Amino acid sequence: MQLLTFLLGGVEYGMPVSDVMSIENRMEPLRIPDSPRYIDGIINLHGSIVPVYNLAERFGCKGEQIHNIIVSNVGGMKVGLEVGSVREIMEAGSSSVNAMPELMNYTQNFFREVVARDKALIGVLDVNSLITQEEKEGIRKLIDDNSNR
């Protein structure tokens, strides 16, 4: 499995390269009142309206310096994920990929796997599980409302 790794709150995380559409330098999003809880606003990315999801807020890393946005496809929508900084693309062999312990998955079910690398562990983000159905509906409405202007 190929992973794109990124830092957030001094911790290295990863996500499957197959979930990554592009990596962008941080842009200041247009803030929209009454947006879903973790949405910082929207950006215009090559003519597409893309909501920007605040991973730092979701992961409890308030005040995090954001340098990159990872654009991903979530339920058929482009969503930008703010991260501290993108690190690298790494190859994770099947022997280094483990299921996330069930106890850890109880409240944070957007990490299904963990990768062992050297003496470190990298939580593998499942972007489709990260955003709740309610948030997806709010994001879809936000895109629709701002695309029709």
Protein backbone atom coordinates (compact mmCIF):
# COMPACT_ATOMS: atom_id res chain seq x y z
CA MET A 1 0.00 0.00 0.00
CA GLN A 2 1.30 3.45 -0.89
CA LEU A 3 0.68 6.15 1.71
CA LEU A 4 0.97 9.90 1.59
CA THR A 5 2.24 10.90 5.02
CA PHE A 6 1.63 14.23 6.71
CA LEU A 7 2.26 15.91 10.05
CA LEU A 8 -0.40 17.34 12.31
CA GLY A 9 0.24 18.30 15.91
CA GLY A 10 3.73 16.81 15.70
CA VAL A 11 2.29 13.36 14.85
CA GLU A 12 2.77 11.59 11.53
CA TYR A 13 -0.37 10.27 9.86
CA GLY A 14 -0.97 8.72 6.46
CA MET A 15 -3.66 8.17 3.90
CA PRO A 16 -3.75 5.90 0.87
CA VAL A 17 -2.35 7.61 -2.22
CA SER A 18 -5.43 6.36 -4.07
CA ASP A 19 -7.53 8.76 -1.92
CA VAL A 20 -5.40 11.79 -2.89
CA MET A 21 -6.47 13.95 -5.84
CA SER A 22 -3.90 16.72 -5.33
CA ILE A 23 -1.69 18.46 -2.78
CA GLU A 24 -1.99 22.23 -2.58
CA ASN A 25 -0.29 25.00 -0.66
CA ARG A 26 -2.61 26.42 1.96
CA MET A 27 -5.07 29.02 0.70
CA GLU A 28 -7.24 31.22 2.87
CA PRO A 29 -10.77 29.80 2.63
CA LEU A 30 -13.83 31.99 2.29
CA ARG A 31 -15.64 31.54 5.59
CA ILE A 32 -19.33 30.70 5.22
CA PRO A 33 -21.70 31.30 8.17
CA ASP A 34 -23.46 28.21 9.55
CA SER A 35 -21.05 25.81 7.83
CA PRO A 36 -20.71 22.28 9.19
CA ARG A 37 -18.63 22.19 12.37
CA TYR A 38 -15.23 21.22 10.95
CA ILE A 39 -15.46 23.16 7.68
CA ASP A 40 -13.26 26.28 7.64
CA GLY A 41 -14.85 27.55 4.44
CA ILE A 42 -14.50 27.07 0.70
CA ILE A 43 -11.76 27.66 -1.87
CA ASN A 44 -11.85 28.00 -5.65
CA LEU A 45 -9.54 25.28 -6.91
CA HIS A 46 -9.09 25.38 -10.68
CA GLY A 47 -12.72 26.47 -11.13
CA SER A 48 -14.22 24.01 -8.63
CA ILE A 49 -15.69 25.03 -5.29
CA VAL A 50 -13.93 22.90 -2.66
CA PRO A 51 -14.85 22.89 1.03
CA VAL A 52 -11.87 22.91 3.40
CA TYR A 53 -12.02 20.48 6.33
CA ASN A 54 -10.15 21.45 9.50
CA LEU A 55 -8.30 18.27 10.56
CA ALA A 56 -6.41 20.15 13.29
CA GLU A 57 -9.70 21.02 14.99
CA ARG A 58 -10.98 17.47 14.59
CA PHE A 59 -7.76 15.97 15.99
CA GLY A 60 -7.54 18.47 18.87
CA CYS A 61 -4.48 20.33 17.51
CA LYS A 62 -5.79 23.89 17.80
CA GLY A 63 -3.31 26.57 16.82
CA GLU A 64 -1.55 24.21 14.39
CA GLN A 65 0.39 25.94 11.61
CA ILE A 66 -1.24 24.75 8.35
CA HIS A 67 0.96 24.60 5.24
CA ASN A 68 -0.85 22.18 2.92
CA ILE A 69 -4.29 21.10 1.79
CA ILE A 70 -4.74 17.53 0.60
CA VAL A 71 -7.64 17.35 -1.85
CA SER A 72 -9.52 14.07 -1.63
CA ASN A 73 -12.70 12.54 -3.04
CA VAL A 74 -15.17 11.98 -0.22
CA GLY A 75 -18.47 10.46 -1.28
CA GLY A 76 -18.17 11.91 -4.79
CA MET A 77 -17.19 15.39 -3.54
CA LYS A 78 -13.83 17.12 -3.61
CA VAL A 79 -12.86 18.04 -0.05
CA GLY A 80 -9.66 19.78 1.03
CA LEU A 81 -8.06 18.46 4.23
CA GLU A 82 -5.87 20.99 6.04
CA VAL A 83 -2.66 19.44 7.35
CA GLY A 84 0.44 20.81 9.03
CA SER A 85 2.70 19.66 6.22
CA VAL A 86 2.89 16.84 3.70
CA ARG A 87 5.95 14.65 4.25
CA GLU A 88 6.37 11.89 1.67
CA ILE A 89 4.91 9.00 -0.28
CA MET A 90 5.95 5.74 1.32
CA GLU A 91 5.45 2.08 0.50
CA ALA A 92 3.91 0.12 3.36
CA GLY A 93 4.40 -3.62 2.93
CA SER A 94 1.57 -5.88 4.05
CA SER A 95 3.65 -7.11 6.99
CA SER A 96 3.80 -3.56 8.41
CA VAL A 97 0.04 -2.86 8.11
CA ASN A 98 -2.09 -3.82 11.11
CA ALA A 99 -5.73 -3.33 12.01
CA MET A 100 -6.29 -0.53 14.49
CA PRO A 101 -7.01 -2.07 17.90
CA GLU A 102 -10.76 -2.18 18.43
CA LEU A 103 -10.55 -0.22 21.67
CA MET A 104 -8.86 2.67 19.82
CA ASN A 105 -11.45 2.52 17.05
CA TYR A 106 -14.34 2.97 19.47
CA THR A 107 -14.61 6.76 19.12
CA GLN A 108 -12.10 7.51 16.36
CA ASN A 109 -13.34 5.09 13.72
CA PHE A 110 -11.66 7.04 10.91
CA PHE A 111 -8.41 5.17 11.63
CA ARG A 112 -8.90 1.58 10.47
CA GLU A 113 -5.23 0.63 10.17
CA VAL A 114 -1.86 1.48 11.62
CA VAL A 115 1.50 1.11 9.88
CA ALA A 116 4.67 0.22 11.76
CA ARG A 117 7.75 1.99 10.41
CA ASP A 118 11.04 1.67 12.24
CA LYS A 119 10.01 2.27 15.85
CA ALA A 120 7.14 4.62 14.96
CA LEU A 121 3.47 4.05 14.17
CA ILE A 122 1.48 5.87 11.50
CA GLY A 123 -2.31 6.02 11.79
CA VAL A 124 -3.91 5.47 8.37
CA LEU A 125 -6.77 7.90 7.80
CA ASP A 126 -9.93 6.58 6.16
CA VAL A 127 -11.30 9.81 4.66
CA ASN A 128 -14.71 8.33 3.91
CA SER A 129 -15.20 7.54 7.61
CA LEU A 130 -13.74 10.86 8.76
CA ILE A 131 -16.73 12.89 7.64
CA THR A 132 -20.10 11.93 9.10
CA GLN A 133 -23.17 11.52 6.91
CA GLU A 134 -24.61 14.71 8.40
CA GLU A 135 -21.39 16.61 7.57
CA LYS A 136 -21.42 15.18 4.02
CA GLU A 137 -24.97 16.48 3.53
CA GLY A 138 -23.93 19.89 4.88
CA ILE A 139 -20.89 19.95 2.61
CA ARG A 140 -22.99 18.99 -0.41
CA LYS A 141 -25.42 21.83 0.39
CA LEU A 142 -22.52 24.26 0.89
CA ILE A 143 -21.07 23.32 -2.53
CA ASP A 144 -24.46 23.49 -4.25
CA ASP A 145 -25.35 26.86 -2.70
CA ASN A 146 -22.01 28.39 -3.71
CA SER A 147 -21.76 26.79 -7.16
CA ASN A 148 -25.06 28.30 -8.30
CA ARG A 149 -23.90 31.89 -7.81
